[in-house]
């Protein structure tokens, strides 16, 4: 279990900036597409996926600091 947490924290720390950039770019793209009444399905998927991974990484880092 400890190895999984160490792996999760390491991956979270390395990929957090990349996930944050993906999140911000997709958010801006979705807002522009909503303004122009375009399809936002793909961007919504990537926005949701990156948000879930960011929250999961933060939760693992918090959980690892408790143990």
PDB file of N, CA and C in Angstrom:
ATOM      1  N   UNK A   1       0.823  -1.195   0.000  1.00  0.00           N
ATOM      2  CA  UNK A   1       0.000   0.000   0.000  1.00  0.00           C
ATOM      3  C   UNK A   1       0.866   1.257   0.000  1.00  0.00           C
ATOM      4  N   UNK A   2       1.967   1.194   0.742  1.00  0.00           N
ATOM      5  CA  UNK A   2       2.852   2.354   0.808  1.00  0.00           C
ATOM      6  C   UNK A   2       3.497   2.636  -0.547  1.00  0.00           C
ATOM      7  N   UNK A   3       3.821   1.583  -1.277  1.00  0.00           N
ATOM      8  CA  UNK A   3       4.430   1.759  -2.598  1.00  0.00           C
ATOM      9  C   UNK A   3       3.457   2.425  -3.566  1.00  0.00           C
ATOM     10  N   UNK A   4       2.184   2.087  -3.453  1.00  0.00           N
ATOM     11  CA  UNK A   4       1.168   2.704  -4.311  1.00  0.00           C
ATOM     12  C   UNK A   4       1.056   4.189  -4.004  1.00  0.00           C
ATOM     13  N   UNK A   5       1.092   4.549  -2.719  1.00  0.00           N
ATOM     14  CA  UNK A   5       1.014   5.960  -2.340  1.00  0.00           C
ATOM     15  C   UNK A   5       2.234   6.733  -2.826  1.00  0.00           C
ATOM     16  N   UNK A   6       3.404   6.142  -2.680  1.00  0.00           N
ATOM     17  CA  UNK A   6       4.621   6.814  -3.141  1.00  0.00           C
ATOM     18  C   UNK A   6       4.563   7.018  -4.651  1.00  0.00           C
ATOM     19  N   UNK A   7       4.113   6.003  -5.367  1.00  0.00           N
ATOM     20  CA  UNK A   7       3.966   6.121  -6.817  1.00  0.00           C
ATOM     21  C   UNK A   7       2.955   7.210  -7.175  1.00  0.00           C
ATOM     22  N   UNK A   8       1.806   7.222  -6.491  1.00  0.00           N
ATOM     23  CA  UNK A   8       0.773   8.216  -6.766  1.00  0.00           C
ATOM     24  C   UNK A   8       1.227   9.631  -6.483  1.00  0.00           C
ATOM     25  N   UNK A   9       1.944   9.822  -5.392  1.00  0.00           N
ATOM     26  CA  UNK A   9       2.448  11.154  -5.045  1.00  0.00           C
ATOM     27  C   UNK A   9       3.498  11.606  -6.056  1.00  0.00           C
ATOM     28  N   UNK A  10       4.368  10.704  -6.459  1.00  0.00           N
ATOM     29  CA  UNK A  10       5.399  11.045  -7.443  1.00  0.00           C
ATOM     30  C   UNK A  10       4.774  11.416  -8.778  1.00  0.00           C
ATOM     31  N   UNK A  11       3.857  10.609  -9.244  1.00  0.00           N
ATOM     32  CA  UNK A  11       3.177  10.893 -10.514  1.00  0.00           C
ATOM     33  C   UNK A  11       2.391  12.195 -10.404  1.00  0.00           C
ATOM     34  N   UNK A  12       1.716  12.395  -9.277  1.00  0.00           N
ATOM     35  CA  UNK A  12       0.959  13.625  -9.079  1.00  0.00           C
ATOM     36  C   UNK A  12       1.843  14.853  -9.084  1.00  0.00           C
ATOM     37  N   UNK A  13       2.990  14.768  -8.443  1.00  0.00           N
ATOM     38  CA  UNK A  13       3.899  15.911  -8.383  1.00  0.00           C
ATOM     39  C   UNK A  13       4.507  16.224  -9.748  1.00  0.00           C
ATOM     40  N   UNK A  14       4.776  15.193 -10.524  1.00  0.00           N
ATOM     41  CA  UNK A  14       5.387  15.405 -11.841  1.00  0.00           C
ATOM     42  C   UNK A  14       4.360  15.911 -12.851  1.00  0.00           C
ATOM     43  N   UNK A  15       3.170  15.332 -12.850  1.00  0.00           N
ATOM     44  CA  UNK A  15       2.174  15.656 -13.867  1.00  0.00           C
ATOM     45  C   UNK A  15       1.209  16.768 -13.476  1.00  0.00           C
ATOM     46  N   UNK A  16       1.278  17.272 -12.250  1.00  0.00           N
ATOM     47  CA  UNK A  16       0.353  18.320 -11.821  1.00  0.00           C
ATOM     48  C   UNK A  16       0.431  19.576 -12.703  1.00  0.00           C
ATOM     49  N   UNK A  17       1.606  20.088 -13.053  1.00  0.00           N
ATOM     50  CA  UNK A  17       1.636  21.259 -13.941  1.00  0.00           C
ATOM     51  C   UNK A  17       1.042  20.973 -15.316  1.00  0.00           C
ATOM     52  N   UNK A  18       1.295  19.794 -15.847  1.00  0.00           N
ATOM     53  CA  UNK A  18       0.751  19.429 -17.159  1.00  0.00           C
ATOM     54  C   UNK A  18      -0.766  19.337 -17.094  1.00  0.00           C
ATOM     55  N   UNK A  19      -1.280  18.691 -16.049  1.00  0.00           N
ATOM     56  CA  UNK A  19      -2.731  18.571 -15.888  1.00  0.00           C
ATOM     57  C   UNK A  19      -3.378  19.937 -15.695  1.00  0.00           C
ATOM     58  N   UNK A  20      -2.713  20.821 -14.980  1.00  0.00           N
ATOM     59  CA  UNK A  20      -3.255  22.164 -14.760  1.00  0.00           C
ATOM     60  C   UNK A  20      -3.329  22.953 -16.061  1.00  0.00           C
ATOM     61  N   UNK A  21      -2.319  22.819 -16.899  1.00  0.00           N
ATOM     62  CA  UNK A  21      -2.339  23.498 -18.195  1.00  0.00           C
ATOM     63  C   UNK A  21      -3.452  22.943 -19.068  1.00  0.00           C
ATOM     64  N   UNK A  22      -3.602  21.622 -19.099  1.00  0.00           N
ATOM     65  CA  UNK A  22      -4.685  21.000 -19.870  1.00  0.00           C
ATOM     66  C   UNK A  22      -6.037  21.491 -19.371  1.00  0.00           C
ATOM     67  N   UNK A  23      -6.194  21.569 -18.052  1.00  0.00           N
ATOM     68  CA  UNK A  23      -7.449  22.031 -17.463  1.00  0.00           C
ATOM     69  C   UNK A  23      -7.756  23.460 -17.905  1.00  0.00           C
ATOM     70  N   UNK A  24      -6.788  24.355 -17.786  1.00  0.00           N
ATOM     71  CA  UNK A  24      -7.015  25.765 -18.123  1.00  0.00           C
ATOM     72  C   UNK A  24      -7.298  25.966 -19.610  1.00  0.00           C
ATOM     73  N   UNK A  25      -6.541  25.286 -20.456  1.00  0.00           N
ATOM     74  CA  UNK A  25      -6.745  25.429 -21.903  1.00  0.00           C
ATOM     75  C   UNK A  25      -8.131  24.929 -22.302  1.00  0.00           C
ATOM     76  N   UNK A  26      -8.547  23.798 -21.760  1.00  0.00           N
ATOM     77  CA  UNK A  26      -9.871  23.272 -22.095  1.00  0.00           C
ATOM     78  C   UNK A  26     -10.984  24.147 -21.537  1.00  0.00           C
ATOM     79  N   UNK A  27     -10.774  24.729 -20.368  1.00  0.00           N
ATOM     80  CA  UNK A  27     -11.784  25.624 -19.804  1.00  0.00           C
ATOM     81  C   UNK A  27     -11.982  26.847 -20.693  1.00  0.00           C
ATOM     82  N   UNK A  28     -10.895  27.452 -21.125  1.00  0.00           N
ATOM     83  CA  UNK A  28     -10.993  28.622 -22.002  1.00  0.00           C
ATOM     84  C   UNK A  28     -11.629  28.240 -23.335  1.00  0.00           C
ATOM     85  N   UNK A  29     -11.253  27.085 -23.879  1.00  0.00           N
ATOM     86  CA  UNK A  29     -11.826  26.631 -25.148  1.00  0.00           C
ATOM     87  C   UNK A  29     -13.322  26.381 -25.023  1.00  0.00           C
ATOM     88  N   UNK A  30     -13.735  25.773 -23.915  1.00  0.00           N
ATOM     89  CA  UNK A  30     -15.164  25.526 -23.700  1.00  0.00           C
ATOM     90  C   UNK A  30     -15.925  26.841 -23.613  1.00  0.00           C
ATOM     91  N   UNK A  31     -15.373  27.810 -22.893  1.00  0.00           N
ATOM     92  CA  UNK A  31     -16.050  29.105 -22.774  1.00  0.00           C
ATOM     93  C   UNK A  31     -16.187  29.789 -24.129  1.00  0.00           C
ATOM     94  N   UNK A  32     -15.156  29.707 -24.964  1.00  0.00           N
ATOM     95  CA  UNK A  32     -15.237  30.289 -26.303  1.00  0.00           C
ATOM     96  C   UNK A  32     -16.267  29.560 -27.160  1.00  0.00           C
ATOM     97  N   UNK A  33     -16.317  28.230 -27.048  1.00  0.00           N
ATOM     98  CA  UNK A  33     -17.272  27.458 -27.842  1.00  0.00           C
ATOM     99  C   UNK A  33     -18.702  27.701 -27.383  1.00  0.00           C
ATOM    100  N   UNK A  34     -18.899  27.880 -26.088  1.00  0.00           N
ATOM    101  CA  UNK A  34     -20.246  28.176 -25.590  1.00  0.00           C
ATOM    102  C   UNK A  34     -20.708  29.524 -26.131  1.00  0.00           C
ATOM    103  N   UNK A  35     -19.798  30.487 -26.172  1.00  0.00           N
ATOM    104  CA  UNK A  35     -20.130  31.813 -26.692  1.00  0.00           C
ATOM    105  C   UNK A  35     -20.560  31.734 -28.152  1.00  0.00           C
ATOM    106  N   UNK A  36     -19.912  30.862 -28.927  1.00  0.00           N
ATOM    107  CA  UNK A  36     -20.230  30.717 -30.351  1.00  0.00           C
ATOM    108  C   UNK A  36     -21.230  29.603 -30.629  1.00  0.00           C
ATOM    109  N   UNK A  37     -21.777  29.000 -29.589  1.00  0.00           N
ATOM    110  CA  UNK A  37     -22.776  27.933 -29.698  1.00  0.00           C
ATOM    111  C   UNK A  37     -22.251  26.747 -30.521  1.00  0.00           C
ATOM    112  N   UNK A  38     -21.054  26.263 -30.153  1.00  0.00           N
ATOM    113  CA  UNK A  38     -20.433  25.122 -30.826  1.00  0.00           C
ATOM    114  C   UNK A  38     -20.452  23.899 -29.913  1.00  0.00           C
ATOM    115  N   UNK A  39     -20.099  22.740 -30.467  1.00  0.00           N
ATOM    116  CA  UNK A  39     -20.064  21.487 -29.717  1.00  0.00           C
ATOM    117  C   UNK A  39     -18.885  21.487 -28.738  1.00  0.00           C
ATOM    118  N   UNK A  40     -19.151  21.127 -27.480  1.00  0.00           N
ATOM    119  CA  UNK A  40     -18.108  21.147 -26.445  1.00  0.00           C
ATOM    120  C   UNK A  40     -17.841  19.765 -25.854  1.00  0.00           C
ATOM    121  N   UNK A  41     -18.318  18.719 -26.485  1.00  0.00           N
ATOM    122  CA  UNK A  41     -18.241  17.372 -25.908  1.00  0.00           C
ATOM    123  C   UNK A  41     -16.800  16.922 -25.640  1.00  0.00           C
ATOM    124  N   UNK A  42     -15.918  17.039 -26.614  1.00  0.00           N
ATOM    125  CA  UNK A  42     -14.536  16.578 -26.448  1.00  0.00           C
ATOM    126  C   UNK A  42     -13.807  17.379 -25.373  1.00  0.00           C
ATOM    127  N   UNK A  43     -13.962  18.696 -25.419  1.00  0.00           N
ATOM    128  CA  UNK A  43     -13.294  19.529 -24.420  1.00  0.00           C
ATOM    129  C   UNK A  43     -13.842  19.289 -23.020  1.00  0.00           C
ATOM    130  N   UNK A  44     -15.123  19.010 -22.916  1.00  0.00           N
ATOM    131  CA  UNK A  44     -15.710  18.712 -21.611  1.00  0.00           C
ATOM    132  C   UNK A  44     -15.135  17.419 -21.053  1.00  0.00           C
ATOM    133  N   UNK A  45     -14.948  16.429 -21.910  1.00  0.00           N
ATOM    134  CA  UNK A  45     -14.343  15.168 -21.467  1.00  0.00           C
ATOM    135  C   UNK A  45     -12.945  15.404 -20.912  1.00  0.00           C
ATOM    136  N   UNK A  46     -12.103  16.137 -21.641  1.00  0.00           N
ATOM    137  CA  UNK A  46     -10.730  16.366 -21.194  1.00  0.00           C
ATOM    138  C   UNK A  46     -10.675  17.275 -19.974  1.00  0.00           C
ATOM    139  N   UNK A  47     -11.580  18.228 -19.882  1.00  0.00           N
ATOM    140  CA  UNK A  47     -11.646  19.093 -18.700  1.00  0.00           C
ATOM    141  C   UNK A  47     -11.993  18.270 -17.470  1.00  0.00           C
ATOM    142  N   UNK A  48     -12.982  17.407 -17.588  1.00  0.00           N
ATOM    143  CA  UNK A  48     -13.392  16.560 -16.468  1.00  0.00           C
ATOM    144  C   UNK A  48     -12.294  15.577 -16.086  1.00  0.00           C
ATOM    145  N   UNK A  49     -11.667  14.961 -17.073  1.00  0.00           N
ATOM    146  CA  UNK A  49     -10.595  14.003 -16.798  1.00  0.00           C
ATOM    147  C   UNK A  49      -9.421  14.669 -16.089  1.00  0.00           C
ATOM    148  N   UNK A  50      -9.001  15.818 -16.566  1.00  0.00           N
ATOM    149  CA  UNK A  50      -7.874  16.497 -15.924  1.00  0.00           C
ATOM    150  C   UNK A  50      -8.239  16.966 -14.522  1.00  0.00           C
ATOM    151  N   UNK A  51      -9.477  17.412 -14.310  1.00  0.00           N
ATOM    152  CA  UNK A  51      -9.907  17.830 -12.974  1.00  0.00           C
ATOM    153  C   UNK A  51      -9.897  16.651 -12.004  1.00  0.00           C
ATOM    154  N   UNK A  52     -10.402  15.512 -12.448  1.00  0.00           N
ATOM    155  CA  UNK A  52     -10.419  14.317 -11.586  1.00  0.00           C
ATOM    156  C   UNK A  52      -8.995  13.905 -11.217  1.00  0.00           C
ATOM    157  N   UNK A  53      -8.080  13.925 -12.173  1.00  0.00           N
ATOM    158  CA  UNK A  53      -6.696  13.546 -11.886  1.00  0.00           C
ATOM    159  C   UNK A  53      -6.007  14.542 -10.956  1.00  0.00           C
ATOM    160  N   UNK A  54      -6.318  15.827 -11.093  1.00  0.00           N
ATOM    161  CA  UNK A  54      -5.752  16.831 -10.193  1.00  0.00           C
ATOM    162  C   UNK A  54      -6.248  16.605  -8.775  1.00  0.00           C
ATOM    163  N   UNK A  55      -7.549  16.414  -8.605  1.00  0.00           N
ATOM    164  CA  UNK A  55      -8.113  16.191  -7.272  1.00  0.00           C
ATOM    165  C   UNK A  55      -7.584  14.891  -6.680  1.00  0.00           C
ATOM    166  N   UNK A  56      -7.469  13.847  -7.486  1.00  0.00           N
ATOM    167  CA  UNK A  56      -6.950  12.565  -7.014  1.00  0.00           C
ATOM    168  C   UNK A  56      -5.510  12.718  -6.534  1.00  0.00           C
ATOM    169  N   UNK A  57      -4.701  13.467  -7.281  1.00  0.00           N
ATOM    170  CA  UNK A  57      -3.309  13.681  -6.888  1.00  0.00           C
ATOM    171  C   UNK A  57      -3.211  14.455  -5.578  1.00  0.00           C
ATOM    172  N   UNK A  58      -4.025  15.487  -5.422  1.00  0.00           N
ATOM    173  CA  UNK A  58      -4.019  16.264  -4.179  1.00  0.00           C
ATOM    174  C   UNK A  58      -4.453  15.394  -3.009  1.00  0.00           C
ATOM    175  N   UNK A  59      -5.452  14.554  -3.227  1.00  0.00           N
ATOM    176  CA  UNK A  59      -5.915  13.665  -2.156  1.00  0.00           C
ATOM    177  C   UNK A  59      -4.836  12.664  -1.761  1.00  0.00           C
ATOM    178  N   UNK A  60      -4.121  12.110  -2.732  1.00  0.00           N
ATOM    179  CA  UNK A  60      -3.042  11.173  -2.415  1.00  0.00           C
ATOM    180  C   UNK A  60      -1.904  11.854  -1.667  1.00  0.00           C
ATOM    181  N   UNK A  61      -1.572  13.068  -2.061  1.00  0.00           N
ATOM    182  CA  UNK A  61      -0.516  13.800  -1.362  1.00  0.00           C
ATOM    183  C   UNK A  61      -0.937  14.077   0.079  1.00  0.00           C
ATOM    184  N   UNK A  62      -2.197  14.465   0.281  1.00  0.00           N
ATOM    185  CA  UNK A  62      -2.697  14.688   1.638  1.00  0.00           C
ATOM    186  C   UNK A  62      -2.733  13.414   2.454  1.00  0.00           C
ATOM    187  N   UNK A  63      -3.141  12.328   1.832  1.00  0.00           N
ATOM    188  CA  UNK A  63      -3.201  11.041   2.529  1.00  0.00           C
ATOM    189  C   UNK A  63      -1.805  10.545   2.883  1.00  0.00           C
ATOM    190  N   UNK A  64      -0.858  10.758   2.006  1.00  0.00           N
ATOM    191  CA  UNK A  64       0.518  10.329   2.278  1.00  0.00           C
ATOM    192  C   UNK A  64       1.138  11.137   3.413  1.00  0.00           C
ATOM    193  N   UNK A  65       0.751  12.405   3.542  1.00  0.00           N
ATOM    194  CA  UNK A  65       1.323  13.217   4.618  1.00  0.00           C
ATOM    195  C   UNK A  65       0.741  12.849   5.980  1.00  0.00           C
ATOM    196  N   UNK A  66      -0.458  12.263   6.003  1.00  0.00           N
ATOM    197  CA  UNK A  66      -1.068  11.822   7.262  1.00  0.00           C
ATOM    198  C   UNK A  66      -0.359  10.584   7.777  1.00  0.00           C
ATOM    199  N   UNK A  67      -0.065   9.659   6.860  1.00  0.00           N
ATOM    200  CA  UNK A  67       0.595   8.407   7.254  1.00  0.00           C
ATOM    201  C   UNK A  67       2.034   8.683   7.443  1.00  0.00           C
TER     202      UNK A  67
END
